[in-house]
C-alpha atoms as a PDB file:
ATOM      1  CA  MET A   1      30.659  -1.489  15.259  1.00  0.00           C
ATOM      2  CA  LEU A   2      30.661   2.094  14.022  1.00  0.00           C
ATOM      3  CA  CYS A   3      33.388   2.739  11.480  1.00  0.00           C
ATOM      4  CA  ALA A   4      34.859   6.010  12.701  1.00  0.00           C
ATOM      5  CA  ALA A   5      36.871   6.637   9.543  1.00  0.00           C
ATOM      6  CA  ALA A   6      33.885   6.360   7.216  1.00  0.00           C
ATOM      7  CA  THR A   7      31.613   8.310   9.540  1.00  0.00           C
ATOM      8  CA  ALA A   8      34.138  11.094   9.850  1.00  0.00           C
ATOM      9  CA  ALA A   9      34.430  11.189   6.073  1.00  0.00           C
ATOM     10  CA  ALA A  10      30.674  11.544   5.576  1.00  0.00           C
ATOM     11  CA  PRO A  11      29.535  14.961   4.333  1.00  0.00           C
ATOM     12  CA  ALA A  12      28.268  16.874   7.370  1.00  0.00           C
ATOM     13  CA  LEU A  13      26.258  20.094   7.416  1.00  0.00           C
ATOM     14  CA  GLY A  14      25.821  22.426  10.327  1.00  0.00           C
ATOM     15  CA  ALA A  15      22.301  23.550  11.187  1.00  0.00           C
ATOM     16  CA  ALA A  16      22.678  26.974   9.583  1.00  0.00           C
ATOM     17  CA  GLU A  17      24.391  25.580   6.514  1.00  0.00           C
ATOM     18  CA  ALA A  18      21.755  22.880   6.103  1.00  0.00           C
ATOM     19  CA  GLU A  19      18.992  25.470   6.044  1.00  0.00           C
ATOM     20  CA  GLU A  20      20.671  27.196   3.120  1.00  0.00           C
ATOM     21  CA  ASP A  21      21.487  23.988   1.225  1.00  0.00           C
ATOM     22  CA  GLU A  22      18.725  23.108  -1.223  1.00  0.00           C
ATOM     23  CA  ASP A  23      20.265  19.639  -1.589  1.00  0.00           C
ATOM     24  CA  ALA A  24      20.274  18.936   2.147  1.00  0.00           C
ATOM     25  CA  LEU A  25      19.376  15.344   2.955  1.00  0.00           C
ATOM     26  CA  PRO A  26      15.796  14.924   4.236  1.00  0.00           C
ATOM     27  CA  PRO A  27      15.987  14.150   7.976  1.00  0.00           C
ATOM     28  CA  GLU A  28      14.082  10.889   7.434  1.00  0.00           C
ATOM     29  CA  TYR A  29      17.236   9.394   5.926  1.00  0.00           C
ATOM     30  CA  ALA A  30      19.745  10.534   8.552  1.00  0.00           C
ATOM     31  CA  GLY A  31      19.473   7.335  10.576  1.00  0.00           C
ATOM     32  CA  LEU A  32      19.762   5.110   7.490  1.00  0.00           C
ATOM     33  CA  LEU A  33      22.783   7.013   6.201  1.00  0.00           C
ATOM     34  CA  GLY A  34      24.523   6.769   9.571  1.00  0.00           C
ATOM     35  CA  GLU A  35      23.775   3.057   9.787  1.00  0.00           C
ATOM     36  CA  LEU A  36      25.156   2.336   6.322  1.00  0.00           C
ATOM     37  CA  LEU A  37      28.290   4.422   6.784  1.00  0.00           C
ATOM     38  CA  GLY A  38      28.866   2.724  10.124  1.00  0.00           C
ATOM     39  CA  ASP A  39      28.769  -0.800   8.685  1.00  0.00           C
ATOM     40  CA  GLU A  40      32.258  -1.738   7.547  1.00  0.00           C
ATOM     41  CA  ALA A  41      31.135  -4.988   5.911  1.00  0.00           C
ATOM     42  CA  PHE A  42      28.585  -3.086   3.820  1.00  0.00           C
ATOM     43  CA  LEU A  43      31.167  -0.480   2.810  1.00  0.00           C
ATOM     44  CA  ARG A  44      33.632  -3.180   1.772  1.00  0.00           C
ATOM     45  CA  ARG A  45      31.008  -4.810  -0.458  1.00  0.00           C
ATOM     46  CA  LEU A  46      30.082  -1.456  -1.958  1.00  0.00           C
ATOM     47  CA  ALA A  47      33.735  -0.596  -2.632  1.00  0.00           C
ATOM     48  CA  GLY A  48      34.139  -3.932  -4.375  1.00  0.00           C
ATOM     49  CA  HIS A  49      31.093  -3.320  -6.580  1.00  0.00           C
ATOM     50  CA  LEU A  50      32.297   0.124  -7.553  1.00  0.00           C
ATOM     51  CA  GLY A  51      35.854  -1.015  -8.210  1.00  0.00           C
ATOM     52  CA  THR A  52      37.296   1.544  -5.773  1.00  0.00           C
ATOM     53  CA  GLY A  53      38.666  -0.759  -3.061  1.00  0.00           C
ATOM     54  CA  GLN A  54      41.475  -2.009  -5.305  1.00  0.00           C
ATOM     55  CA  ARG A  55      43.054   1.461  -5.223  1.00  0.00           C
ATOM     56  CA  HIS A  56      43.540   1.257  -1.456  1.00  0.00           C
ATOM     57  CA  ASP A  57      45.532  -0.952   0.878  1.00  0.00           C
ATOM     58  CA  ASP A  58      43.417  -3.581   2.611  1.00  0.00           C
ATOM     59  CA  GLY A  59      44.582  -2.475   6.031  1.00  0.00           C
ATOM     60  CA  ALA A  60      42.866  -1.381   9.219  1.00  0.00           C
ATOM     61  CA  GLY A  61      42.466   2.176   8.005  1.00  0.00           C
ATOM     62  CA  TRP A  62      41.537   1.446   4.410  1.00  0.00           C
ATOM     63  CA  LEU A  63      38.082   3.100   4.728  1.00  0.00           C
ATOM     64  CA  GLY A  64      39.545   6.417   5.750  1.00  0.00           C
ATOM     65  CA  GLY A  65      40.510   9.415   3.708  1.00  0.00           C
ATOM     66  CA  GLU A  66      39.646   9.505   0.014  1.00  0.00           C
ATOM     67  CA  LEU A  67      37.817   6.157  -0.152  1.00  0.00           C
ATOM     68  CA  GLY A  68      35.673   6.925   2.888  1.00  0.00           C
ATOM     69  CA  SER A  69      34.670  10.235   1.325  1.00  0.00           C
ATOM     70  CA  GLU A  70      33.896   8.590  -2.024  1.00  0.00           C
ATOM     71  CA  LEU A  71      31.663   5.951  -0.458  1.00  0.00           C
ATOM     72  CA  ALA A  72      29.898   8.416   1.831  1.00  0.00           C
ATOM     73  CA  GLU A  73      29.149  10.752  -1.060  1.00  0.00           C
ATOM     74  CA  TYR A  74      28.007   7.850  -3.261  1.00  0.00           C
ATOM     75  CA  VAL A  75      25.515   6.574  -0.689  1.00  0.00           C
ATOM     76  CA  ARG A  76      24.296  10.088   0.106  1.00  0.00           C
ATOM     77  CA  CYS A  77      23.731  10.929  -3.560  1.00  0.00           C
ATOM     78  CA  ALA A  78      21.912   7.629  -4.137  1.00  0.00           C
ATOM     79  CA  LEU A  79      19.311   8.547  -1.501  1.00  0.00           C
ATOM     80  CA  PRO A  80      16.179  10.291  -2.830  1.00  0.00           C
ATOM     81  CA  ALA A  81      16.000  14.074  -2.743  1.00  0.00           C
ATOM     82  CA  GLY A  82      12.450  13.916  -1.406  1.00  0.00           C
ATOM     83  CA  PRO A  83      11.293  12.335   1.863  1.00  0.00           C
ATOM     84  CA  CYS A  84       9.767   8.878   2.007  1.00  0.00           C
ATOM     85  CA  PRO A  85       6.236   8.507   3.448  1.00  0.00           C
ATOM     86  CA  PRO A  86       6.834   7.546   7.118  1.00  0.00           C
ATOM     87  CA  PRO A  87       4.795   4.299   6.962  1.00  0.00           C
ATOM     88  CA  LEU A  88       7.026   3.093   4.113  1.00  0.00           C
ATOM     89  CA  LEU A  89      10.390   4.251   5.483  1.00  0.00           C
ATOM     90  CA  GLY A  90      11.346   0.869   6.946  1.00  0.00           C
ATOM     91  CA  LEU A  91      10.453  -0.913   3.714  1.00  0.00           C
ATOM     92  CA  PHE A  92      12.387   1.668   1.696  1.00  0.00           C
ATOM     93  CA  ALA A  93      15.465   1.257   3.924  1.00  0.00           C
ATOM     94  CA  THR A  94      15.409  -2.523   3.409  1.00  0.00           C
ATOM     95  CA  CYS A  95      15.134  -2.157  -0.375  1.00  0.00           C
ATOM     96  CA  PHE A  96      17.735   0.608  -0.600  1.00  0.00           C
ATOM     97  CA  ARG A  97      20.338  -1.278   1.387  1.00  0.00           C
ATOM     98  CA  GLY A  98      19.556  -4.566  -0.338  1.00  0.00           C
ATOM     99  CA  ALA A  99      19.934  -3.032  -3.797  1.00  0.00           C
ATOM    100  CA  LEU A 100      23.347  -1.563  -2.991  1.00  0.00           C
ATOM    101  CA  GLU A 101      24.502  -4.813  -1.399  1.00  0.00           C
ATOM    102  CA  VAL A 102      23.714  -6.906  -4.481  1.00  0.00           C
ATOM    103  CA  ASP A 103      24.864  -4.209  -6.916  1.00  0.00           C
ATOM    104  CA  ALA A 104      21.364  -3.500  -8.272  1.00  0.00           C
ATOM    105  CA  TYR A 105      19.821  -0.124  -9.050  1.00  0.00           C
ATOM    106  CA  PRO A 106      18.393   1.319  -5.784  1.00  0.00           C
ATOM    107  CA  PRO A 107      14.908   2.860  -5.424  1.00  0.00           C
ATOM    108  CA  SER A 108      14.906   6.627  -5.953  1.00  0.00           C
ATOM    109  CA  ASP A 109      12.516   9.594  -5.964  1.00  0.00           C
ATOM    110  CA  ASP A 110      10.385   8.384  -8.856  1.00  0.00           C
ATOM    111  CA  THR A 111       9.778   5.035  -7.132  1.00  0.00           C
ATOM    112  CA  ILE A 112       8.710   6.740  -3.907  1.00  0.00           C
ATOM    113  CA  ARG A 113       6.480   9.208  -5.714  1.00  0.00           C
ATOM    114  CA  VAL A 114       4.800   6.536  -7.829  1.00  0.00           C
ATOM    115  CA  MET A 115       4.268   3.952  -5.093  1.00  0.00           C
ATOM    116  CA  PRO A 116       1.217   5.320  -3.240  1.00  0.00           C
ATOM    117  CA  THR A 117      -0.641   5.863  -6.507  1.00  0.00           C
ATOM    118  CA  ILE A 118      -0.581   2.212  -7.522  1.00  0.00           C
ATOM    119  CA  ALA A 119      -0.884   0.645  -4.084  1.00  0.00           C
ATOM    120  CA  HIS A 120      -4.296   3.472  -2.930  1.00  0.00           C
ATOM    121  CA  PRO A 121      -6.238   6.820  -7.511  1.00  0.00           C
ATOM    122  CA  ALA A 122      -9.766   7.858  -6.661  1.00  0.00           C
ATOM    123  CA  ARG A 123      -9.141  10.127  -3.670  1.00  0.00           C
ATOM    124  CA  PRO A 124      -5.410  10.874  -3.392  1.00  0.00           C
ATOM    125  CA  PRO A 125      -4.479  12.293   0.031  1.00  0.00           C
ATOM    126  CA  PRO A 126      -2.428  15.498   0.007  1.00  0.00           C
ATOM    127  CA  SER A 127       1.124  14.239  -0.364  1.00  0.00           C
ATOM    128  CA  PRO A 128       4.150  14.962  -2.546  1.00  0.00           C
ATOM    129  CA  TYR A 129       4.638  11.364  -3.682  1.00  0.00           C
ATOM    130  CA  PRO A 130       2.777  10.197  -6.944  1.00  0.00           C
ATOM    131  CA  LEU A 131       3.593   5.739  -8.449  1.00  0.00           C
ATOM    132  CA  VAL A 132       3.568   4.387  -4.758  1.00  0.00           C
ATOM    133  CA  ARG A 133       0.480   6.371  -3.738  1.00  0.00           C
ATOM    134  CA  THR A 134      -1.333   5.460  -6.963  1.00  0.00           C
ATOM    135  CA  ALA A 135      -0.520   1.809  -6.340  1.00  0.00           C
ATOM    136  CA  ASN A 136      -1.769   1.909  -2.765  1.00  0.00           C
ATOM    137  CA  GLN A 137      -4.941   3.718  -3.742  1.00  0.00           C
ATOM    138  CA  HIS A 138      -5.777   1.353  -6.590  1.00  0.00           C
ATOM    139  CA  CYS A 139      -5.334  -1.748  -4.443  1.00  0.00           C
ATOM    140  CA  SER A 140      -7.301  -0.200  -1.597  1.00  0.00           C
ATOM    141  CA  GLU A 141     -10.178   1.388  -3.509  1.00  0.00           C
ATOM    142  CA  ALA A 142     -10.681  -0.522  -6.793  1.00  0.00           C
ATOM    143  CA  PRO A 143     -14.139  -2.177  -6.971  1.00  0.00           C
ATOM    144  CA  GLU A 144     -12.523  -5.615  -7.230  1.00  0.00           C
ATOM    145  CA  VAL A 145      -9.342  -6.924  -5.689  1.00  0.00           C
ATOM    146  CA  PRO A 146      -6.804  -7.571  -8.486  1.00  0.00           C
ATOM    147  CA  ALA A 147      -6.277 -11.319  -8.854  1.00  0.00           C
ATOM    148  CA  VAL A 148      -3.253 -11.113 -11.195  1.00  0.00           C
ATOM    149  CA  VAL A 149      -0.672  -8.361 -10.573  1.00  0.00           C
ATOM    150  CA  VAL A 150       2.452  -7.866 -12.717  1.00  0.00           C
ATOM    151  CA  GLU A 151       5.346  -5.448 -12.241  1.00  0.00           C
ATOM    152  CA  VAL A 152       7.852  -4.905 -15.043  1.00  0.00           C
ATOM    153  CA  GLY A 153      11.315  -3.654 -14.064  1.00  0.00           C
ATOM    154  CA  CYS A 154      10.886  -4.544 -10.395  1.00  0.00           C
ATOM    155  CA  GLY A 155      14.346  -3.405  -9.244  1.00  0.00           C
ATOM    156  CA  SER A 156      14.518  -3.767  -5.461  1.00  0.00           C
ATOM    157  CA  GLY A 157      10.886  -4.910  -5.147  1.00  0.00           C
ATOM    158  CA  LEU A 158       9.711  -1.806  -3.291  1.00  0.00           C
ATOM    159  CA  LEU A 159       6.621  -1.209  -5.456  1.00  0.00           C
ATOM    160  CA  SER A 160       5.437  -4.819  -5.329  1.00  0.00           C
ATOM    161  CA  ALA A 161       6.017  -4.953  -1.581  1.00  0.00           C
ATOM    162  CA  ALA A 162       3.914  -1.799  -1.150  1.00  0.00           C
ATOM    163  CA  VAL A 163       1.135  -3.450  -3.160  1.00  0.00           C
ATOM    164  CA  VAL A 164       1.269  -6.492  -0.870  1.00  0.00           C
ATOM    165  CA  ARG A 165       0.977  -4.205   2.153  1.00  0.00           C
ATOM    166  CA  ALA A 166      -2.036  -2.387   0.693  1.00  0.00           C
ATOM    167  CA  LEU A 167      -3.762  -5.634  -0.295  1.00  0.00           C
ATOM    168  CA  ALA A 168      -3.078  -7.161   3.126  1.00  0.00           C
ATOM    169  CA  ALA A 169      -4.726  -4.193   4.814  1.00  0.00           C
ATOM    170  CA  ARG A 170      -7.781  -4.468   2.566  1.00  0.00           C
ATOM    171  CA  LEU A 171      -8.136  -8.243   2.627  1.00  0.00           C
ATOM    172  CA  GLY A 172      -7.292  -8.486   6.299  1.00  0.00           C
ATOM    173  CA  ALA A 173     -10.240  -6.220   7.024  1.00  0.00           C
ATOM    174  CA  ALA A 174     -12.454  -8.339   4.768  1.00  0.00           C
ATOM    175  CA  GLY A 175     -11.354 -11.549   6.469  1.00  0.00           C
ATOM    176  CA  GLY A 176     -11.875 -10.066   9.894  1.00  0.00           C
ATOM    177  CA  ALA A 177     -15.416  -9.198   8.901  1.00  0.00           C
ATOM    178  CA  GLY A 178     -16.067 -12.782   7.847  1.00  0.00           C
ATOM    179  CA  GLY A 179     -15.856 -12.091   4.110  1.00  0.00           C
ATOM    180  CA  ALA A 180     -14.201 -14.292   1.520  1.00  0.00           C
ATOM    181  CA  VAL A 181     -10.518 -13.548   0.825  1.00  0.00           C
ATOM    182  CA  PRO A 182      -9.675 -14.009  -2.883  1.00  0.00           C
ATOM    183  CA  GLY A 183      -6.335 -15.366  -4.076  1.00  0.00           C
ATOM    184  CA  VAL A 184      -3.795 -12.946  -5.550  1.00  0.00           C
ATOM    185  CA  SER A 185      -1.003 -14.025  -7.918  1.00  0.00           C
ATOM    186  CA  MET A 186       1.844 -11.505  -8.207  1.00  0.00           C
ATOM    187  CA  LEU A 187       4.610 -11.624 -10.810  1.00  0.00           C
ATOM    188  CA  ALA A 188       7.640  -9.419 -11.464  1.00  0.00           C
ATOM    189  CA  THR A 189      10.399  -9.228 -14.055  1.00  0.00           C
ATOM    190  CA  ASP A 190      13.730  -7.439 -14.320  1.00  0.00           C
ATOM    191  CA  LEU A 191      16.599  -7.476 -16.798  1.00  0.00           C
ATOM    192  CA  TYR A 192      19.059  -7.930 -13.937  1.00  0.00           C
ATOM    193  CA  GLU A 193      18.974 -11.317 -12.188  1.00  0.00           C
ATOM    194  CA  ALA A 194      20.227  -9.940  -8.866  1.00  0.00           C
ATOM    195  CA  ALA A 195      17.347  -7.453  -8.855  1.00  0.00           C
ATOM    196  CA  ALA A 196      14.794 -10.222  -9.461  1.00  0.00           C
ATOM    197  CA  ASP A 197      16.333 -12.270  -6.626  1.00  0.00           C
ATOM    198  CA  LEU A 198      16.283  -9.275  -4.286  1.00  0.00           C
ATOM    199  CA  SER A 199      12.637  -8.572  -5.141  1.00  0.00           C
ATOM    200  CA  ALA A 200      11.750 -12.180  -4.350  1.00  0.00           C
ATOM    201  CA  GLN A 201      13.362 -11.817  -0.930  1.00  0.00           C
ATOM    202  CA  VAL A 202      11.845  -8.415  -0.126  1.00  0.00           C
ATOM    203  CA  VAL A 203       8.305  -9.228  -1.275  1.00  0.00           C
ATOM    204  CA  GLY A 204       8.444 -12.726   0.197  1.00  0.00           C
ATOM    205  CA  ARG A 205       9.356 -11.228   3.572  1.00  0.00           C
ATOM    206  CA  GLU A 206       6.518  -8.718   3.286  1.00  0.00           C
ATOM    207  CA  ILE A 207       4.037 -11.503   2.505  1.00  0.00           C
ATOM    208  CA  ALA A 208       5.227 -13.499   5.501  1.00  0.00           C
ATOM    209  CA  GLU A 209       5.144 -10.543   7.898  1.00  0.00           C
ATOM    210  CA  ALA A 210       1.664  -9.569   6.709  1.00  0.00           C
ATOM    211  CA  GLY A 211       0.408 -13.122   7.217  1.00  0.00           C
ATOM    212  CA  SER A 212      -0.663 -13.188   3.564  1.00  0.00           C
ATOM    213  CA  ALA A 213       0.882 -16.454   2.407  1.00  0.00           C
ATOM    214  CA  GLU A 214      -2.483 -18.232   2.288  1.00  0.00           C
ATOM    215  CA  TRP A 215      -3.917 -15.888  -0.333  1.00  0.00           C
ATOM    216  CA  CYS A 216      -0.891 -14.216  -1.996  1.00  0.00           C
ATOM    217  CA  SER A 217       1.898 -15.747  -4.110  1.00  0.00           C
ATOM    218  CA  PHE A 218       4.857 -13.925  -5.685  1.00  0.00           C
ATOM    219  CA  ARG A 219       7.426 -14.830  -8.317  1.00  0.00           C
ATOM    220  CA  ALA A 220      10.219 -12.722  -9.777  1.00  0.00           C
ATOM    221  CA  VAL A 221      12.063 -13.786 -12.925  1.00  0.00           C
ATOM    222  CA  ARG A 222      14.774 -12.349 -15.112  1.00  0.00           C
ATOM    223  CA  GLY A 223      13.563 -11.158 -18.486  1.00  0.00           C
ATOM    224  CA  ARG A 224      12.790  -8.218 -20.732  1.00  0.00           C
ATOM    225  CA  PHE A 225       9.250  -6.982 -20.214  1.00  0.00           C
ATOM    226  CA  CYS A 226       7.121 -10.086 -19.574  1.00  0.00           C
ATOM    227  CA  GLU A 227       9.092 -12.560 -21.678  1.00  0.00           C
ATOM    228  CA  GLY A 228      10.291 -14.540 -18.660  1.00  0.00           C
ATOM    229  CA  CYS A 229       6.805 -14.933 -17.220  1.00  0.00           C
ATOM    230  CA  ALA A 230       5.286 -15.784 -20.595  1.00  0.00           C
ATOM    231  CA  ALA A 231       7.988 -18.362 -21.371  1.00  0.00           C
ATOM    232  CA  GLU A 232       7.202 -20.194 -18.131  1.00  0.00           C
ATOM    233  CA  GLY A 233       3.478 -20.000 -18.719  1.00  0.00           C
ATOM    234  CA  VAL A 234       3.041 -17.861 -15.633  1.00  0.00           C
ATOM    235  CA  VAL A 235       1.097 -15.100 -17.378  1.00  0.00           C
ATOM    236  CA  ARG A 236      -1.194 -15.218 -20.395  1.00  0.00           C
ATOM    237  CA  GLU A 237      -2.975 -12.748 -22.638  1.00  0.00           C
ATOM    238  CA  ASP A 238      -6.106 -10.927 -21.458  1.00  0.00           C
ATOM    239  CA  ALA A 239      -5.532 -12.062 -17.856  1.00  0.00           C
ATOM    240  CA  VAL A 240      -3.750  -9.265 -15.930  1.00  0.00           C
ATOM    241  CA  ASP A 241      -5.795  -7.079 -13.572  1.00  0.00           C
ATOM    242  CA  LEU A 242      -3.032  -4.676 -12.493  1.00  0.00           C
ATOM    243  CA  LEU A 243       0.169  -3.944 -14.443  1.00  0.00           C
ATOM    244  CA  PHE A 244       2.758  -1.290 -13.555  1.00  0.00           C
ATOM    245  CA  PHE A 245       6.155  -0.125 -14.761  1.00  0.00           C
ATOM    246  CA  ASN A 246       8.535   2.586 -13.568  1.00  0.00           C
ATOM    247  CA  PRO A 247      10.344   2.744 -16.931  1.00  0.00           C
ATOM    248  CA  PRO A 248      13.593   4.267 -18.173  1.00  0.00           C
ATOM    249  CA  TYR A 249      12.327   7.699 -19.243  1.00  0.00           C
ATOM    250  CA  VAL A 250      15.428   9.902 -19.637  1.00  0.00           C
ATOM    251  CA  PRO A 251      15.802  11.031 -23.288  1.00  0.00           C
ATOM    252  CA  SER A 252      18.967   9.400 -24.627  1.00  0.00           C
ATOM    253  CA  PRO A 253      20.630   8.074 -27.796  1.00  0.00           C
ATOM    254  CA  GLU A 254      19.024   4.852 -28.974  1.00  0.00           C
ATOM    255  CA  GLU A 255      22.381   3.061 -28.832  1.00  0.00           C
ATOM    256  CA  GLU A 256      22.398   3.387 -25.028  1.00  0.00           C
ATOM    257  CA  LEU A 257      19.322   1.200 -24.673  1.00  0.00           C
ATOM    258  CA  GLY A 258      20.077  -2.106 -22.996  1.00  0.00           C
ATOM    259  CA  GLU A 259      23.714  -1.266 -22.221  1.00  0.00           C
ATOM    260  CA  GLN A 260      25.103  -2.822 -19.036  1.00  0.00           C
ATOM    261  CA  PRO A 261      28.058  -0.616 -18.050  1.00  0.00           C
ATOM    262  CA  SER A 262      30.597  -1.524 -15.398  1.00  0.00           C
ATOM    263  CA  GLY A 263      32.926   0.530 -13.243  1.00  0.00           C
ATOM    264  CA  THR A 264      31.614   3.478 -11.280  1.00  0.00           C
ATOM    265  CA  LEU A 265      28.029   2.889 -12.441  1.00  0.00           C
ATOM    266  CA  LEU A 266      26.021   0.017 -11.020  1.00  0.00           C
ATOM    267  CA  PRO A 267      25.294  -2.694 -13.600  1.00  0.00           C
ATOM    268  CA  GLY A 268      22.106  -1.753 -15.373  1.00  0.00           C
ATOM    269  CA  ALA A 269      22.180   1.843 -14.156  1.00  0.00           C
ATOM    270  CA  LEU A 270      22.358   3.246 -17.668  1.00  0.00           C
ATOM    271  CA  ALA A 271      19.698   0.827 -18.905  1.00  0.00           C
ATOM    272  CA  ALA A 272      17.532   1.755 -15.919  1.00  0.00           C
ATOM    273  CA  CYS A 273      17.597   5.430 -16.972  1.00  0.00           C
ATOM    274  CA  SER A 274      18.002   5.552 -20.753  1.00  0.00           C
ATOM    275  CA  GLY A 275      14.637   5.819 -22.477  1.00  0.00           C
ATOM    276  CA  GLY A 276      15.738   6.449 -26.046  1.00  0.00           C
ATOM    277  CA  THR A 277      14.284   9.150 -28.291  1.00  0.00           C
ATOM    278  CA  ARG A 278      12.190  11.572 -26.178  1.00  0.00           C
ATOM    279  CA  GLY A 279      12.544   8.982 -23.405  1.00  0.00           C
ATOM    280  CA  ARG A 280       9.700   7.056 -25.027  1.00  0.00           C
ATOM    281  CA  SER A 281      11.290   4.059 -26.758  1.00  0.00           C
ATOM    282  CA  VAL A 282      11.080   1.644 -23.816  1.00  0.00           C
ATOM    283  CA  MET A 283       7.788   3.100 -22.614  1.00  0.00           C
ATOM    284  CA  ASP A 284       6.048   2.708 -25.992  1.00  0.00           C
ATOM    285  CA  GLU A 285       7.398  -0.816 -26.437  1.00  0.00           C
ATOM    286  CA  PHE A 286       6.086  -1.746 -22.991  1.00  0.00           C
ATOM    287  CA  LEU A 287       2.586  -0.580 -23.899  1.00  0.00           C
ATOM    288  CA  ARG A 288       2.666  -2.506 -27.183  1.00  0.00           C
ATOM    289  CA  ARG A 289       4.196  -5.727 -25.849  1.00  0.00           C
ATOM    290  CA  CYS A 290       2.715  -5.878 -22.350  1.00  0.00           C
ATOM    291  CA  ALA A 291      -0.236  -3.571 -21.701  1.00  0.00           C
ATOM    292  CA  ARG A 292      -2.227  -4.216 -24.882  1.00  0.00           C
ATOM    293  CA  PRO A 293      -1.930  -8.037 -24.986  1.00  0.00           C
ATOM    294  CA  LEU A 294      -1.843  -8.837 -21.251  1.00  0.00           C
ATOM    295  CA  LEU A 295      -4.489  -6.614 -19.668  1.00  0.00           C
ATOM    296  CA  ARG A 296      -7.866  -8.246 -19.290  1.00  0.00           C
ATOM    297  CA  PRO A 297     -10.927  -6.171 -20.269  1.00  0.00           C
ATOM    298  CA  GLY A 298     -11.217  -3.741 -17.372  1.00  0.00           C
ATOM    299  CA  GLY A 299      -7.585  -4.275 -16.373  1.00  0.00           C
ATOM    300  CA  VAL A 300      -5.487  -1.259 -15.370  1.00  0.00           C
ATOM    301  CA  CYS A 301      -1.895  -0.234 -16.130  1.00  0.00           C
ATOM    302  CA  PHE A 302       0.194   2.495 -14.479  1.00  0.00           C
ATOM    303  CA  VAL A 303       3.318   4.046 -15.963  1.00  0.00           C
ATOM    304  CA  CYS A 304       5.294   7.182 -15.054  1.00  0.00           C
ATOM    305  CA  GLY A 305       7.666   9.590 -16.769  1.00  0.00           C
ATOM    306  CA  VAL A 306       8.722  13.221 -17.193  1.00  0.00           C
ATOM    307  CA  GLU A 307       7.320  16.052 -19.307  1.00  0.00           C
ATOM    308  CA  GLU A 308       9.978  15.519 -21.972  1.00  0.00           C
ATOM    309  CA  ASN A 309       8.207  12.244 -22.771  1.00  0.00           C
ATOM    310  CA  ALA A 310       5.162  14.149 -24.100  1.00  0.00           C
ATOM    311  CA  PRO A 311       2.585  12.284 -21.960  1.00  0.00           C
ATOM    312  CA  ASP A 312      -0.414  13.704 -23.839  1.00  0.00           C
ATOM    313  CA  GLN A 313       0.953  12.256 -27.087  1.00  0.00           C
ATOM    314  CA  LEU A 314       1.605   8.965 -25.257  1.00  0.00           C
ATOM    315  CA  LEU A 315      -2.060   8.731 -24.251  1.00  0.00           C
ATOM    316  CA  GLU A 316      -3.127   9.602 -27.810  1.00  0.00           C
ATOM    317  CA  MET A 317      -0.892   6.863 -29.233  1.00  0.00           C
ATOM    318  CA  ALA A 318      -2.189   4.343 -26.711  1.00  0.00           C
ATOM    319  CA  ARG A 319      -5.782   5.157 -27.615  1.00  0.00           C
ATOM    320  CA  GLU A 320      -5.461   5.311 -31.402  1.00  0.00           C
ATOM    321  CA  GLU A 321      -2.930   2.526 -31.992  1.00  0.00           C
ATOM    322  CA  LEU A 322      -3.506   0.159 -29.067  1.00  0.00           C
ATOM    323  CA  GLY A 323      -7.118   0.685 -28.113  1.00  0.00           C
ATOM    324  CA  LEU A 324      -6.199   1.638 -24.545  1.00  0.00           C
ATOM    325  CA  GLN A 325      -7.998   4.432 -22.753  1.00  0.00           C
ATOM    326  CA  GLY A 326      -5.951   6.618 -20.435  1.00  0.00           C
ATOM    327  CA  ALA A 327      -5.636   9.675 -18.240  1.00  0.00           C
ATOM    328  CA  LEU A 328      -2.945  11.427 -16.226  1.00  0.00           C
ATOM    329  CA  VAL A 329      -3.582  10.946 -12.504  1.00  0.00           C
ATOM    330  CA  ARG A 330      -0.497  12.905 -11.384  1.00  0.00           C
ATOM    331  CA  ARG A 331       1.288  15.683 -13.230  1.00  0.00           C
ATOM    332  CA  GLY A 332       3.894  18.317 -12.480  1.00  0.00           C
ATOM    333  CA  VAL A 333       5.279  16.651  -9.358  1.00  0.00           C
ATOM    334  CA  SER A 334       8.747  18.101  -8.893  1.00  0.00           C
ATOM    335  CA  ARG A 335      11.821  15.887  -8.614  1.00  0.00           C
ATOM    336  CA  GLY A 336      14.724  18.282  -8.674  1.00  0.00           C
ATOM    337  CA  GLU A 337      14.521  19.793 -12.151  1.00  0.00           C
ATOM    338  CA  GLU A 338      12.213  17.040 -13.470  1.00  0.00           C
ATOM    339  CA  ALA A 339       8.429  17.301 -13.634  1.00  0.00           C
ATOM    340  CA  LEU A 340       7.022  13.820 -13.080  1.00  0.00           C
ATOM    341  CA  TRP A 341       3.655  12.446 -14.177  1.00  0.00           C
ATOM    342  CA  VAL A 342       1.788   9.182 -13.642  1.00  0.00           C
ATOM    343  CA  ALA A 343      -0.644   7.798 -16.243  1.00  0.00           C
ATOM    344  CA  ARG A 344      -3.446   5.315 -15.699  1.00  0.00           C
ATOM    345  CA  LEU A 345      -4.359   3.254 -18.777  1.00  0.00           C
ATOM    346  CA  TRP A 346      -7.046   0.638 -19.078  1.00  0.00           C
ATOM    347  CA  LYS A 347      -8.663  -1.753 -21.522  1.00  0.00           C
ATOM    348  CA  ASP A 348     -12.398  -1.217 -21.861  1.00  0.00           C
ATOM    349  CA  PRO A 349     -14.566  -4.120 -20.627  1.00  0.00           C
END
């Protein structure tokens, strides 16, 4: 049932005002926002996560007034500033809602922009979204289907689910033509256990709906980088075909790395953003501890960031110190005041 108090408290813009508002919500999200603000059970869970419900009486009208406005603004601000590609909107909505419900960090603009790149990189279609499109392109157009796929920092599971969708489209066509369908083993890790559990649910549902269970398996474990997978013997050195990471890239004090704040921030929110000096501390460690040892010869890694991370110097470091070749496949994609880039790195055969 629609919660009138929360809906009335939601920020509303008239048509003329919306045209002048640079921060106006993309119309693709209007239905999702209305659905979330109309779900009292969801709002109660969100208020509990954020620690705001305790300031209000638990009565029939507790979602009205100040609390309703706080929750409406929180959900609205958590939505990406840029539109989601229409084919992925349903998947995004599932991941966004699921992340907020389990108190995990929700997918944002960088996730959407990165997704097509991983899941299609040779001939990018004109589109404003760079790690999802790269993912889709790679899975659709690489000479060989990746047999071992690993995502670090999986969050809600949106990127891995997009990869499953791209692989299902490619392998479904191959199977329909009578060709052999290779097996694909997918792994994911996250520092936050609830995020790993959510990813397992989201990607597992995508595998089932795509009819891919016969050739695709997925596991998500809690751990820093690939420690969880390695400890369980799930992944080994020189074996990964496709590796990707949407890392914390915001320049920040080193002491903020790994912090798990509580209160108005979601657990892990600071850790999910704080990248250390120049925003490169986590990114560089990922390349040293995951990309260099895990990629097989010919294996490919994708990582994204902002211009403050000095991506040209990152590629130079990867080449000279780690023996990884690399190139920027997206650069200068706007996300508010940030200029995003996506790098493709690989280990020579």
